[in-house]
PDB file of all heavy atoms in Angstrom:
ATOM      1  N   LEU A   1       0.776  -0.563 -16.261  1.00  0.00           N
ATOM      2  CA  LEU A   1       1.361  -1.895 -16.298  1.00  0.00           C
ATOM      3  C   LEU A   1       1.674  -2.351 -14.883  1.00  0.00           C
ATOM      4  O   LEU A   1       1.861  -1.530 -13.970  1.00  0.00           O
ATOM      5  CB  LEU A   1       2.656  -1.906 -17.114  1.00  0.00           C
ATOM      6  CG  LEU A   1       2.604  -1.449 -18.575  1.00  0.00           C
ATOM      7  CD1 LEU A   1       4.015  -1.426 -19.149  1.00  0.00           C
ATOM      8  CD2 LEU A   1       1.699  -2.348 -19.386  1.00  0.00           C
ATOM      9  N   MET A   2       1.716  -3.649 -14.703  1.00  0.00           N
ATOM     10  CA  MET A   2       2.211  -4.221 -13.455  1.00  0.00           C
ATOM     11  C   MET A   2       3.650  -4.678 -13.693  1.00  0.00           C
ATOM     12  O   MET A   2       3.915  -5.412 -14.644  1.00  0.00           O
ATOM     13  CB  MET A   2       1.356  -5.415 -13.023  1.00  0.00           C
ATOM     14  CG  MET A   2       1.889  -6.132 -11.789  1.00  0.00           C
ATOM     15  SD  MET A   2       1.764  -5.140 -10.292  1.00  0.00           S
ATOM     16  CE  MET A   2      -0.006  -5.303  -9.970  1.00  0.00           C
ATOM     17  N   ARG A   3       4.570  -4.210 -12.858  1.00  0.00           N
ATOM     18  CA  ARG A   3       5.976  -4.609 -12.995  1.00  0.00           C
ATOM     19  C   ARG A   3       6.324  -5.586 -11.885  1.00  0.00           C
ATOM     20  O   ARG A   3       6.103  -5.320 -10.705  1.00  0.00           O
ATOM     21  CB  ARG A   3       6.911  -3.397 -12.926  1.00  0.00           C
ATOM     22  CG  ARG A   3       8.394  -3.796 -13.070  1.00  0.00           C
ATOM     23  CD  ARG A   3       9.272  -2.581 -13.277  1.00  0.00           C
ATOM     24  NE  ARG A   3       9.184  -1.670 -12.154  1.00  0.00           N
ATOM     25  CZ  ARG A   3       9.507  -0.381 -12.222  1.00  0.00           C
ATOM     26  NH1 ARG A   3       9.889   0.153 -13.365  1.00  0.00           N
ATOM     27  NH2 ARG A   3       9.404   0.399 -11.153  1.00  0.00           N
ATOM     28  N   VAL A   4       6.863  -6.732 -12.275  1.00  0.00           N
ATOM     29  CA  VAL A   4       7.294  -7.748 -11.328  1.00  0.00           C
ATOM     30  C   VAL A   4       8.793  -7.945 -11.491  1.00  0.00           C
ATOM     31  O   VAL A   4       9.267  -8.263 -12.581  1.00  0.00           O
ATOM     32  CB  VAL A   4       6.561  -9.088 -11.553  1.00  0.00           C
ATOM     33  CG1 VAL A   4       7.082 -10.146 -10.578  1.00  0.00           C
ATOM     34  CG2 VAL A   4       5.060  -8.909 -11.386  1.00  0.00           C
ATOM     35  N   ASN A   5       9.532  -7.722 -10.429  1.00  0.00           N
ATOM     36  CA  ASN A   5      10.960  -8.009 -10.413  1.00  0.00           C
ATOM     37  C   ASN A   5      11.200  -9.265  -9.579  1.00  0.00           C
ATOM     38  O   ASN A   5      10.752  -9.345  -8.426  1.00  0.00           O
ATOM     39  CB  ASN A   5      11.750  -6.843  -9.826  1.00  0.00           C
ATOM     40  CG  ASN A   5      11.865  -5.684 -10.795  1.00  0.00           C
ATOM     41  OD1 ASN A   5      11.182  -4.678 -10.636  1.00  0.00           O
ATOM     42  ND2 ASN A   5      12.708  -5.812 -11.794  1.00  0.00           N
ATOM     43  N   ARG A   6      11.878 -10.237 -10.178  1.00  0.00           N
ATOM     44  CA  ARG A   6      12.226 -11.465  -9.456  1.00  0.00           C
ATOM     45  C   ARG A   6      13.741 -11.625  -9.446  1.00  0.00           C
ATOM     46  O   ARG A   6      14.401 -11.434 -10.476  1.00  0.00           O
ATOM     47  CB  ARG A   6      11.592 -12.688 -10.115  1.00  0.00           C
ATOM     48  CG  ARG A   6      10.087 -12.721 -10.055  1.00  0.00           C
ATOM     49  CD  ARG A   6       9.548 -14.093 -10.463  1.00  0.00           C
ATOM     50  NE  ARG A   6       8.090 -14.056 -10.508  1.00  0.00           N
ATOM     51  CZ  ARG A   6       7.363 -14.108 -11.622  1.00  0.00           C
ATOM     52  NH1 ARG A   6       7.973 -14.226 -12.795  1.00  0.00           N
ATOM     53  NH2 ARG A   6       6.050 -14.064 -11.583  1.00  0.00           N
ATOM     54  N   PHE A   7      14.263 -12.009  -8.285  1.00  0.00           N
ATOM     55  CA  PHE A   7      15.687 -12.251  -8.138  1.00  0.00           C
ATOM     56  C   PHE A   7      15.875 -13.665  -7.617  1.00  0.00           C
ATOM     57  O   PHE A   7      15.320 -14.041  -6.582  1.00  0.00           O
ATOM     58  CB  PHE A   7      16.310 -11.220  -7.193  1.00  0.00           C
ATOM     59  CG  PHE A   7      16.192  -9.806  -7.704  1.00  0.00           C
ATOM     60  CD1 PHE A   7      15.096  -9.024  -7.372  1.00  0.00           C
ATOM     61  CD2 PHE A   7      17.150  -9.273  -8.551  1.00  0.00           C
ATOM     62  CE1 PHE A   7      14.955  -7.736  -7.860  1.00  0.00           C
ATOM     63  CE2 PHE A   7      17.028  -7.983  -9.048  1.00  0.00           C
ATOM     64  CZ  PHE A   7      15.931  -7.216  -8.702  1.00  0.00           C
ATOM     65  N   PHE A   8      16.651 -14.448  -8.355  1.00  0.00           N
ATOM     66  CA  PHE A   8      16.856 -15.850  -8.045  1.00  0.00           C
ATOM     67  C   PHE A   8      18.236 -16.041  -7.423  1.00  0.00           C
ATOM     68  O   PHE A   8      19.244 -15.591  -7.979  1.00  0.00           O
ATOM     69  CB  PHE A   8      16.732 -16.696  -9.317  1.00  0.00           C
ATOM     70  CG  PHE A   8      15.344 -16.688  -9.916  1.00  0.00           C
ATOM     71  CD1 PHE A   8      14.882 -15.600 -10.642  1.00  0.00           C
ATOM     72  CD2 PHE A   8      14.499 -17.775  -9.747  1.00  0.00           C
ATOM     73  CE1 PHE A   8      13.602 -15.590 -11.198  1.00  0.00           C
ATOM     74  CE2 PHE A   8      13.219 -17.775 -10.293  1.00  0.00           C
ATOM     75  CZ  PHE A   8      12.778 -16.683 -11.019  1.00  0.00           C
ATOM     76  N   PHE A   9      18.256 -16.718  -6.275  1.00  0.00           N
ATOM     77  CA  PHE A   9      19.486 -16.937  -5.521  1.00  0.00           C
ATOM     78  C   PHE A   9      19.875 -18.411  -5.576  1.00  0.00           C
ATOM     79  O   PHE A   9      19.006 -19.294  -5.500  1.00  0.00           O
ATOM     80  CB  PHE A   9      19.296 -16.521  -4.058  1.00  0.00           C
ATOM     81  CG  PHE A   9      19.035 -15.045  -3.875  1.00  0.00           C
ATOM     82  CD1 PHE A   9      17.787 -14.502  -4.134  1.00  0.00           C
ATOM     83  CD2 PHE A   9      20.036 -14.195  -3.439  1.00  0.00           C
ATOM     84  CE1 PHE A   9      17.530 -13.145  -3.972  1.00  0.00           C
ATOM     85  CE2 PHE A   9      19.809 -12.838  -3.269  1.00  0.00           C
ATOM     86  CZ  PHE A   9      18.541 -12.312  -3.530  1.00  0.00           C
ATOM     87  N   ASN A  10      21.189 -18.671  -5.666  1.00  0.00           N
ATOM     88  CA  ASN A  10      21.658 -20.054  -5.685  1.00  0.00           C
ATOM     89  C   ASN A  10      21.838 -20.583  -4.267  1.00  0.00           C
ATOM     90  O   ASN A  10      21.470 -19.919  -3.282  1.00  0.00           O
ATOM     91  CB  ASN A  10      22.949 -20.179  -6.501  1.00  0.00           C
ATOM     92  CG  ASN A  10      24.092 -19.347  -5.919  1.00  0.00           C
ATOM     93  OD1 ASN A  10      24.090 -18.986  -4.738  1.00  0.00           O
ATOM     94  ND2 ASN A  10      25.063 -19.049  -6.757  1.00  0.00           N
ATOM     95  N   ASP A  11      22.413 -21.768  -4.142  1.00  0.00           N
ATOM     96  CA  ASP A  11      22.543 -22.392  -2.828  1.00  0.00           C
ATOM     97  C   ASP A  11      23.559 -21.690  -1.944  1.00  0.00           C
ATOM     98  O   ASP A  11      23.674 -21.997  -0.756  1.00  0.00           O
ATOM     99  CB  ASP A  11      22.888 -23.878  -2.970  1.00  0.00           C
ATOM    100  CG  ASP A  11      24.091 -24.115  -3.865  1.00  0.00           C
ATOM    101  OD1 ASP A  11      24.604 -23.138  -4.467  1.00  0.00           O
ATOM    102  OD2 ASP A  11      24.530 -25.269  -3.965  1.00  0.00           O
ATOM    103  N   ARG A  12      24.316 -20.755  -2.489  1.00  0.00           N
ATOM    104  CA  ARG A  12      25.233 -19.927  -1.686  1.00  0.00           C
ATOM    105  C   ARG A  12      24.617 -18.559  -1.423  1.00  0.00           C
ATOM    106  O   ARG A  12      25.298 -17.648  -0.961  1.00  0.00           O
ATOM    107  CB  ARG A  12      26.570 -19.781  -2.413  1.00  0.00           C
ATOM    108  CG  ARG A  12      27.337 -21.102  -2.512  1.00  0.00           C
ATOM    109  CD  ARG A  12      28.647 -20.945  -3.282  1.00  0.00           C
ATOM    110  NE  ARG A  12      28.408 -20.799  -4.724  1.00  0.00           N
ATOM    111  CZ  ARG A  12      28.623 -19.691  -5.420  1.00  0.00           C
ATOM    112  NH1 ARG A  12      29.055 -18.603  -4.812  1.00  0.00           N
ATOM    113  NH2 ARG A  12      28.380 -19.649  -6.720  1.00  0.00           N
ATOM    114  N   MET A  13      23.323 -18.439  -1.744  1.00  0.00           N
ATOM    115  CA  MET A  13      22.555 -17.208  -1.559  1.00  0.00           C
ATOM    116  C   MET A  13      23.154 -16.039  -2.345  1.00  0.00           C
ATOM    117  O   MET A  13      23.142 -14.893  -1.910  1.00  0.00           O
ATOM    118  CB  MET A  13      22.430 -16.861  -0.069  1.00  0.00           C
ATOM    119  CG  MET A  13      21.596 -17.861   0.713  1.00  0.00           C
ATOM    120  SD  MET A  13      19.945 -18.121  -0.026  1.00  0.00           S
ATOM    121  CE  MET A  13      19.215 -16.512   0.211  1.00  0.00           C
ATOM    122  N   VAL A  14      23.656 -16.357  -3.526  1.00  0.00           N
ATOM    123  CA  VAL A  14      24.171 -15.340  -4.447  1.00  0.00           C
ATOM    124  C   VAL A  14      23.166 -15.176  -5.584  1.00  0.00           C
ATOM    125  O   VAL A  14      22.794 -16.159  -6.227  1.00  0.00           O
ATOM    126  CB  VAL A  14      25.540 -15.756  -5.022  1.00  0.00           C
ATOM    127  CG1 VAL A  14      26.000 -14.752  -6.084  1.00  0.00           C
ATOM    128  CG2 VAL A  14      26.569 -15.866  -3.910  1.00  0.00           C
ATOM    129  N   PRO A  15      22.703 -13.952  -5.861  1.00  0.00           N
ATOM    130  CA  PRO A  15      21.765 -13.759  -6.969  1.00  0.00           C
ATOM    131  C   PRO A  15      22.454 -13.985  -8.309  1.00  0.00           C
ATOM    132  O   PRO A  15      23.493 -13.389  -8.588  1.00  0.00           O
ATOM    133  CB  PRO A  15      21.304 -12.310  -6.799  1.00  0.00           C
ATOM    134  CG  PRO A  15      22.391 -11.648  -6.024  1.00  0.00           C
ATOM    135  CD  PRO A  15      22.992 -12.693  -5.148  1.00  0.00           C
ATOM    136  N   PHE A  16      21.890 -14.861  -9.123  1.00  0.00           N
ATOM    137  CA  PHE A  16      22.509 -15.181 -10.407  1.00  0.00           C
ATOM    138  C   PHE A  16      21.606 -14.847 -11.588  1.00  0.00           C
ATOM    139  O   PHE A  16      22.040 -14.889 -12.734  1.00  0.00           O
ATOM    140  CB  PHE A  16      22.868 -16.668 -10.457  1.00  0.00           C
ATOM    141  CG  PHE A  16      21.693 -17.599 -10.417  1.00  0.00           C
ATOM    142  CD1 PHE A  16      21.048 -18.001 -11.574  1.00  0.00           C
ATOM    143  CD2 PHE A  16      21.206 -18.079  -9.196  1.00  0.00           C
ATOM    144  CE1 PHE A  16      19.960 -18.858 -11.525  1.00  0.00           C
ATOM    145  CE2 PHE A  16      20.116 -18.936  -9.148  1.00  0.00           C
ATOM    146  CZ  PHE A  16      19.484 -19.323 -10.316  1.00  0.00           C
ATOM    147  N   TYR A  17      20.354 -14.516 -11.302  1.00  0.00           N
ATOM    148  CA  TYR A  17      19.398 -14.261 -12.383  1.00  0.00           C
ATOM    149  C   TYR A  17      18.364 -13.263 -11.883  1.00  0.00           C
ATOM    150  O   TYR A  17      17.785 -13.435 -10.816  1.00  0.00           O
ATOM    151  CB  TYR A  17      18.760 -15.592 -12.804  1.00  0.00           C
ATOM    152  CG  TYR A  17      17.457 -15.526 -13.559  1.00  0.00           C
ATOM    153  CD1 TYR A  17      17.187 -14.543 -14.507  1.00  0.00           C
ATOM    154  CD2 TYR A  17      16.476 -16.496 -13.345  1.00  0.00           C
ATOM    155  CE1 TYR A  17      15.994 -14.513 -15.197  1.00  0.00           C
ATOM    156  CE2 TYR A  17      15.272 -16.486 -14.038  1.00  0.00           C
ATOM    157  CZ  TYR A  17      15.033 -15.485 -14.955  1.00  0.00           C
ATOM    158  OH  TYR A  17      13.851 -15.454 -15.642  1.00  0.00           O
ATOM    159  N   ALA A  18      18.171 -12.211 -12.661  1.00  0.00           N
ATOM    160  CA  ALA A  18      17.149 -11.206 -12.352  1.00  0.00           C
ATOM    161  C   ALA A  18      16.189 -11.106 -13.532  1.00  0.00           C
ATOM    162  O   ALA A  18      16.620 -11.110 -14.690  1.00  0.00           O
ATOM    163  CB  ALA A  18      17.787  -9.853 -12.074  1.00  0.00           C
ATOM    164  N   ALA A  19      14.932 -11.050 -13.233  1.00  0.00           N
ATOM    165  CA  ALA A  19      13.912 -10.916 -14.270  1.00  0.00           C
ATOM    166  C   ALA A  19      13.053  -9.699 -13.968  1.00  0.00           C
ATOM    167  O   ALA A  19      12.652  -9.480 -12.827  1.00  0.00           O
ATOM    168  CB  ALA A  19      13.043 -12.167 -14.332  1.00  0.00           C
ATOM    169  N   GLU A  20      12.796  -8.913 -14.987  1.00  0.00           N
ATOM    170  CA  GLU A  20      11.857  -7.798 -14.878  1.00  0.00           C
ATOM    171  C   GLU A  20      10.761  -8.042 -15.893  1.00  0.00           C
ATOM    172  O   GLU A  20      11.023  -8.084 -17.096  1.00  0.00           O
ATOM    173  CB  GLU A  20      12.544  -6.464 -15.130  1.00  0.00           C
ATOM    174  CG  GLU A  20      11.604  -5.282 -14.995  1.00  0.00           C
ATOM    175  CD  GLU A  20      12.342  -3.953 -14.975  1.00  0.00           C
ATOM    176  OE1 GLU A  20      12.759  -3.536 -13.884  1.00  0.00           O
ATOM    177  OE2 GLU A  20      12.511  -3.360 -16.052  1.00  0.00           O
ATOM    178  N   ILE A  21       9.529  -8.237 -15.405  1.00  0.00           N
ATOM    179  CA  ILE A  21       8.415  -8.564 -16.278  1.00  0.00           C
ATOM    180  C   ILE A  21       7.359  -7.472 -16.178  1.00  0.00           C
ATOM    181  O   ILE A  21       6.972  -7.066 -15.079  1.00  0.00           O
ATOM    182  CB  ILE A  21       7.789  -9.922 -15.916  1.00  0.00           C
ATOM    183  CG1 ILE A  21       8.865 -10.992 -15.813  1.00  0.00           C
ATOM    184  CG2 ILE A  21       6.757 -10.334 -16.946  1.00  0.00           C
ATOM    185  CD1 ILE A  21       9.170 -11.437 -14.423  1.00  0.00           C
ATOM    186  N   LEU A  22       6.920  -7.017 -17.331  1.00  0.00           N
ATOM    187  CA  LEU A  22       5.849  -6.025 -17.406  1.00  0.00           C
ATOM    188  C   LEU A  22       4.596  -6.707 -17.922  1.00  0.00           C
ATOM    189  O   LEU A  22       4.606  -7.326 -18.995  1.00  0.00           O
ATOM    190  CB  LEU A  22       6.245  -4.877 -18.334  1.00  0.00           C
ATOM    191  CG  LEU A  22       7.486  -4.080 -17.926  1.00  0.00           C
ATOM    192  CD1 LEU A  22       7.835  -3.061 -18.996  1.00  0.00           C
ATOM    193  CD2 LEU A  22       7.283  -3.400 -16.581  1.00  0.00           C
ATOM    194  N   TYR A  23       3.518  -6.618 -17.144  1.00  0.00           N
ATOM    195  CA  TYR A  23       2.247  -7.236 -17.501  1.00  0.00           C
ATOM    196  C   TYR A  23       1.223  -6.164 -17.830  1.00  0.00           C
ATOM    197  O   TYR A  23       1.156  -5.129 -17.157  1.00  0.00           O
ATOM    198  CB  TYR A  23       1.693  -8.067 -16.340  1.00  0.00           C
ATOM    199  CG  TYR A  23       2.522  -9.265 -15.966  1.00  0.00           C
ATOM    200  CD1 TYR A  23       3.448  -9.192 -14.935  1.00  0.00           C
ATOM    201  CD2 TYR A  23       2.360 -10.488 -16.612  1.00  0.00           C
ATOM    202  CE1 TYR A  23       4.201 -10.300 -14.567  1.00  0.00           C
ATOM    203  CE2 TYR A  23       3.104 -11.601 -16.247  1.00  0.00           C
ATOM    204  CZ  TYR A  23       4.021 -11.503 -15.228  1.00  0.00           C
ATOM    205  OH  TYR A  23       4.760 -12.594 -14.865  1.00  0.00           O
ATOM    206  N   CYS A  24       0.407  -6.430 -18.836  1.00  0.00           N
ATOM    207  CA  CYS A  24      -0.737  -5.560 -19.081  1.00  0.00           C
ATOM    208  C   CYS A  24      -1.638  -5.600 -17.847  1.00  0.00           C
ATOM    209  O   CYS A  24      -2.000  -6.680 -17.374  1.00  0.00           O
ATOM    210  CB  CYS A  24      -1.501  -6.030 -20.315  1.00  0.00           C
ATOM    211  SG  CYS A  24      -0.516  -5.952 -21.835  1.00  0.00           S
ATOM    212  N   ALA A  25      -1.988  -4.441 -17.341  1.00  0.00           N
ATOM    213  CA  ALA A  25      -2.651  -4.360 -16.041  1.00  0.00           C
ATOM    214  C   ALA A  25      -3.988  -5.079 -15.991  1.00  0.00           C
ATOM    215  O   ALA A  25      -4.409  -5.557 -14.937  1.00  0.00           O
ATOM    216  CB  ALA A  25      -2.834  -2.895 -15.630  1.00  0.00           C
ATOM    217  N   ASP A  26      -4.680  -5.182 -17.150  1.00  0.00           N
ATOM    218  CA  ASP A  26      -5.990  -5.811 -17.144  1.00  0.00           C
ATOM    219  C   ASP A  26      -5.902  -7.320 -17.345  1.00  0.00           C
ATOM    220  O   ASP A  26      -6.924  -7.997 -17.404  1.00  0.00           O
ATOM    221  CB  ASP A  26      -6.867  -5.200 -18.240  1.00  0.00           C
ATOM    222  CG  ASP A  26      -6.277  -5.413 -19.626  1.00  0.00           C
ATOM    223  OD1 ASP A  26      -5.038  -5.339 -19.759  1.00  0.00           O
ATOM    224  OD2 ASP A  26      -7.039  -5.645 -20.574  1.00  0.00           O
ATOM    225  N   ARG A  27      -4.680  -7.855 -17.431  1.00  0.00           N
ATOM    226  CA  ARG A  27      -4.544  -9.272 -17.748  1.00  0.00           C
ATOM    227  C   ARG A  27      -3.733 -10.026 -16.696  1.00  0.00           C
ATOM    228  O   ARG A  27      -3.365 -11.181 -16.897  1.00  0.00           O
ATOM    229  CB  ARG A  27      -3.881  -9.452 -19.119  1.00  0.00           C
ATOM    230  CG  ARG A  27      -4.528  -8.616 -20.194  1.00  0.00           C
ATOM    231  CD  ARG A  27      -4.067  -9.025 -21.565  1.00  0.00           C
ATOM    232  NE  ARG A  27      -4.748 -10.241 -21.992  1.00  0.00           N
ATOM    233  CZ  ARG A  27      -4.330 -10.989 -23.006  1.00  0.00           C
ATOM    234  NH1 ARG A  27      -3.239 -10.675 -23.644  1.00  0.00           N
ATOM    235  NH2 ARG A  27      -5.004 -12.061 -23.361  1.00  0.00           N
ATOM    236  N   TYR A  28      -3.425  -9.388 -15.590  1.00  0.00           N
ATOM    237  CA  TYR A  28      -2.603 -10.028 -14.570  1.00  0.00           C
ATOM    238  C   TYR A  28      -3.189  -9.746 -13.200  1.00  0.00           C
ATOM    239  O   TYR A  28      -3.557  -8.614 -12.889  1.00  0.00           O
ATOM    240  CB  TYR A  28      -1.168  -9.501 -14.637  1.00  0.00           C
ATOM    241  CG  TYR A  28      -0.234 -10.128 -13.623  1.00  0.00           C
ATOM    242  CD1 TYR A  28       0.366 -11.357 -13.877  1.00  0.00           C
ATOM    243  CD2 TYR A  28       0.059  -9.487 -12.427  1.00  0.00           C
ATOM    244  CE1 TYR A  28       1.228 -11.935 -12.959  1.00  0.00           C
ATOM    245  CE2 TYR A  28       0.924 -10.050 -11.502  1.00  0.00           C
ATOM    246  CZ  TYR A  28       1.510 -11.270 -11.775  1.00  0.00           C
ATOM    247  OH  TYR A  28       2.360 -11.838 -10.864  1.00  0.00           O
ATOM    248  N   GLU A  29      -3.277 -10.781 -12.407  1.00  0.00           N
ATOM    249  CA  GLU A  29      -3.777 -10.647 -11.037  1.00  0.00           C
ATOM    250  C   GLU A  29      -2.823 -11.370 -10.099  1.00  0.00           C
ATOM    251  O   GLU A  29      -2.407 -12.506 -10.353  1.00  0.00           O
ATOM    252  CB  GLU A  29      -5.165 -11.264 -10.924  1.00  0.00           C
ATOM    253  CG  GLU A  29      -5.757 -11.240  -9.504  1.00  0.00           C
ATOM    254  CD  GLU A  29      -7.120 -11.908  -9.451  1.00  0.00           C
ATOM    255  OE1 GLU A  29      -7.785 -11.963 -10.500  1.00  0.00           O
ATOM    256  OE2 GLU A  29      -7.494 -12.382  -8.367  1.00  0.00           O
ATOM    257  N   TYR A  30      -2.444 -10.697  -9.036  1.00  0.00           N
ATOM    258  CA  TYR A  30      -1.566 -11.303  -8.026  1.00  0.00           C
ATOM    259  C   TYR A  30      -2.366 -11.503  -6.759  1.00  0.00           C
ATOM    260  O   TYR A  30      -2.979 -10.572  -6.247  1.00  0.00           O
ATOM    261  CB  TYR A  30      -0.364 -10.400  -7.744  1.00  0.00           C
ATOM    262  CG  TYR A  30       0.603 -10.986  -6.739  1.00  0.00           C
ATOM    263  CD1 TYR A  30       1.509 -11.972  -7.122  1.00  0.00           C
ATOM    264  CD2 TYR A  30       0.608 -10.566  -5.415  1.00  0.00           C
ATOM    265  CE1 TYR A  30       2.392 -12.519  -6.208  1.00  0.00           C
ATOM    266  CE2 TYR A  30       1.481 -11.109  -4.503  1.00  0.00           C
ATOM    267  CZ  TYR A  30       2.372 -12.075  -4.897  1.00  0.00           C
ATOM    268  OH  TYR A  30       3.241 -12.617  -3.985  1.00  0.00           O
ATOM    269  N   ARG A  31      -2.369 -12.708  -6.267  1.00  0.00           N
ATOM    270  CA  ARG A  31      -3.221 -13.030  -5.125  1.00  0.00           C
ATOM    271  C   ARG A  31      -2.407 -13.704  -4.029  1.00  0.00           C
ATOM    272  O   ARG A  31      -1.620 -14.613  -4.293  1.00  0.00           O
ATOM    273  CB  ARG A  31      -4.352 -13.956  -5.566  1.00  0.00           C
ATOM    274  CG  ARG A  31      -5.388 -14.254  -4.497  1.00  0.00           C
ATOM    275  CD  ARG A  31      -6.492 -15.131  -5.067  1.00  0.00           C
ATOM    276  NE  ARG A  31      -7.154 -14.472  -6.189  1.00  0.00           N
ATOM    277  CZ  ARG A  31      -7.989 -15.106  -7.004  1.00  0.00           C
ATOM    278  NH1 ARG A  31      -8.238 -16.383  -6.856  1.00  0.00           N
ATOM    279  NH2 ARG A  31      -8.559 -14.441  -7.990  1.00  0.00           N
ATOM    280  N   VAL A  32      -2.599 -13.260  -2.786  1.00  0.00           N
ATOM    281  CA  VAL A  32      -1.951 -13.853  -1.628  1.00  0.00           C
ATOM    282  C   VAL A  32      -3.020 -14.260  -0.628  1.00  0.00           C
ATOM    283  O   VAL A  32      -3.937 -13.481  -0.347  1.00  0.00           O
ATOM    284  CB  VAL A  32      -0.966 -12.867  -0.952  1.00  0.00           C
ATOM    285  CG1 VAL A  32      -0.384 -13.479   0.309  1.00  0.00           C
ATOM    286  CG2 VAL A  32       0.152 -12.492  -1.921  1.00  0.00           C
ATOM    287  N   SER A  33      -2.920 -15.448  -0.109  1.00  0.00           N
ATOM    288  CA  SER A  33      -3.862 -15.926   0.897  1.00  0.00           C
ATOM    289  C   SER A  33      -3.192 -15.899   2.268  1.00  0.00           C
ATOM    290  O   SER A  33      -2.098 -16.450   2.446  1.00  0.00           O
ATOM    291  CB  SER A  33      -4.308 -17.365   0.564  1.00  0.00           C
ATOM    292  OG  SER A  33      -5.196 -17.844   1.547  1.00  0.00           O
ATOM    293  N   LEU A  34      -3.816 -15.225   3.224  1.00  0.00           N
ATOM    294  CA  LEU A  34      -3.294 -15.120   4.581  1.00  0.00           C
ATOM    295  C   LEU A  34      -4.141 -15.970   5.519  1.00  0.00           C
ATOM    296  O   LEU A  34      -5.362 -15.832   5.549  1.00  0.00           O
ATOM    297  CB  LEU A  34      -3.297 -13.659   5.054  1.00  0.00           C
ATOM    298  CG  LEU A  34      -2.518 -12.673   4.168  1.00  0.00           C
ATOM    299  CD1 LEU A  34      -2.693 -11.258   4.683  1.00  0.00           C
ATOM    300  CD2 LEU A  34      -1.044 -13.047   4.134  1.00  0.00           C
ATOM    301  N   LYS A  35      -3.501 -16.829   6.267  1.00  0.00           N
ATOM    302  CA  LYS A  35      -4.222 -17.738   7.141  1.00  0.00           C
ATOM    303  C   LYS A  35      -3.834 -17.498   8.599  1.00  0.00           C
ATOM    304  O   LYS A  35      -2.658 -17.359   8.925  1.00  0.00           O
ATOM    305  CB  LYS A  35      -3.922 -19.198   6.756  1.00  0.00           C
ATOM    306  CG  LYS A  35      -4.750 -20.215   7.527  1.00  0.00           C
ATOM    307  CD  LYS A  35      -4.465 -21.637   7.031  1.00  0.00           C
ATOM    308  CE  LYS A  35      -5.317 -22.658   7.773  1.00  0.00           C
ATOM    309  NZ  LYS A  35      -5.044 -24.042   7.296  1.00  0.00           N
ATOM    310  N   ARG A  36      -4.826 -17.452   9.443  1.00  0.00           N
ATOM    311  CA  ARG A  36      -4.578 -17.238  10.863  1.00  0.00           C
ATOM    312  C   ARG A  36      -3.948 -18.494  11.469  1.00  0.00           C
ATOM    313  O   ARG A  36      -4.355 -19.619  11.197  1.00  0.00           O
ATOM    314  CB  ARG A  36      -5.897 -16.927  11.582  1.00  0.00           C
ATOM    315  CG  ARG A  36      -5.765 -16.655  13.090  1.00  0.00           C
ATOM    316  CD  ARG A  36      -7.120 -16.322  13.695  1.00  0.00           C
ATOM    317  NE  ARG A  36      -8.037 -17.438  13.585  1.00  0.00           N
ATOM    318  CZ  ARG A  36      -8.086 -18.458  14.466  1.00  0.00           C
ATOM    319  NH1 ARG A  36      -7.261 -18.480  15.497  1.00  0.00           N
ATOM    320  NH2 ARG A  36      -8.954 -19.437  14.313  1.00  0.00           N
ATOM    321  N   GLU A  37      -2.912 -18.286  12.296  1.00  0.00           N
ATOM    322  CA  GLU A  37      -2.301 -19.413  12.989  1.00  0.00           C
ATOM    323  C   GLU A  37      -3.258 -19.947  14.054  1.00  0.00           C
ATOM    324  O   GLU A  37      -4.031 -19.201  14.656  1.00  0.00           O
ATOM    325  CB  GLU A  37      -0.988 -18.987  13.656  1.00  0.00           C
ATOM    326  CG  GLU A  37       0.119 -18.687  12.673  1.00  0.00           C
ATOM    327  CD  GLU A  37       1.425 -18.404  13.388  1.00  0.00           C
ATOM    328  OE1 GLU A  37       1.752 -19.160  14.329  1.00  0.00           O
ATOM    329  OE2 GLU A  37       2.096 -17.434  13.029  1.00  0.00           O
ATOM    330  N   GLN A  38      -3.187 -21.243  14.276  1.00  0.00           N
ATOM    331  CA  GLN A  38      -4.051 -21.890  15.251  1.00  0.00           C
ATOM    332  C   GLN A  38      -3.910 -21.245  16.623  1.00  0.00           C
ATOM    333  O   GLN A  38      -2.815 -21.101  17.156  1.00  0.00           O
ATOM    334  CB  GLN A  38      -3.694 -23.383  15.352  1.00  0.00           C
ATOM    335  CG  GLN A  38      -4.627 -24.203  16.230  1.00  0.00           C
ATOM    336  CD  GLN A  38      -5.998 -24.365  15.598  1.00  0.00           C
ATOM    337  OE1 GLN A  38      -6.115 -24.327  14.377  1.00  0.00           O
ATOM    338  NE2 GLN A  38      -7.014 -24.530  16.408  1.00  0.00           N
ATOM    339  N   GLY A  39      -5.024 -20.810  17.176  1.00  0.00           N
ATOM    340  CA  GLY A  39      -5.026 -20.252  18.529  1.00  0.00           C
ATOM    341  C   GLY A  39      -4.557 -18.816  18.620  1.00  0.00           C
ATOM    342  O   GLY A  39      -4.410 -18.298  19.727  1.00  0.00           O
ATOM    343  N   LYS A  40      -4.307 -18.153  17.499  1.00  0.00           N
ATOM    344  CA  LYS A  40      -3.814 -16.780  17.532  1.00  0.00           C
ATOM    345  C   LYS A  40      -4.741 -15.877  16.718  1.00  0.00           C
ATOM    346  O   LYS A  40      -5.357 -16.304  15.753  1.00  0.00           O
ATOM    347  CB  LYS A  40      -2.392 -16.688  16.971  1.00  0.00           C
ATOM    348  CG  LYS A  40      -1.345 -17.413  17.813  1.00  0.00           C
ATOM    349  CD  LYS A  40       0.050 -17.190  17.255  1.00  0.00           C
ATOM    350  CE  LYS A  40       1.096 -17.866  18.125  1.00  0.00           C
ATOM    351  NZ  LYS A  40       2.467 -17.648  17.588  1.00  0.00           N
ATOM    352  N   ASP A  41      -4.810 -14.609  17.151  1.00  0.00           N
ATOM    353  CA  ASP A  41      -5.578 -13.615  16.419  1.00  0.00           C
ATOM    354  C   ASP A  41      -4.655 -12.844  15.494  1.00  0.00           C
ATOM    355  O   ASP A  41      -3.435 -12.810  15.684  1.00  0.00           O
ATOM    356  CB  ASP A  41      -6.241 -12.619  17.387  1.00  0.00           C
ATOM    357  CG  ASP A  41      -7.281 -13.294  18.272  1.00  0.00           C
ATOM    358  OD1 ASP A  41      -7.918 -14.256  17.781  1.00  0.00           O
ATOM    359  OD2 ASP A  41      -7.442 -12.867  19.419  1.00  0.00           O
TER     360      ASP A  41
END
């Protein structure tokens, strides 16, 4: 399974809600796109 823990913070940066989600591994994909900054390697 893929386990995702999310913690939500209010405007005082106090966590008020926590979620733990279990996904079937063959049905969930997490994708992040990384982009190079202009003029930098």
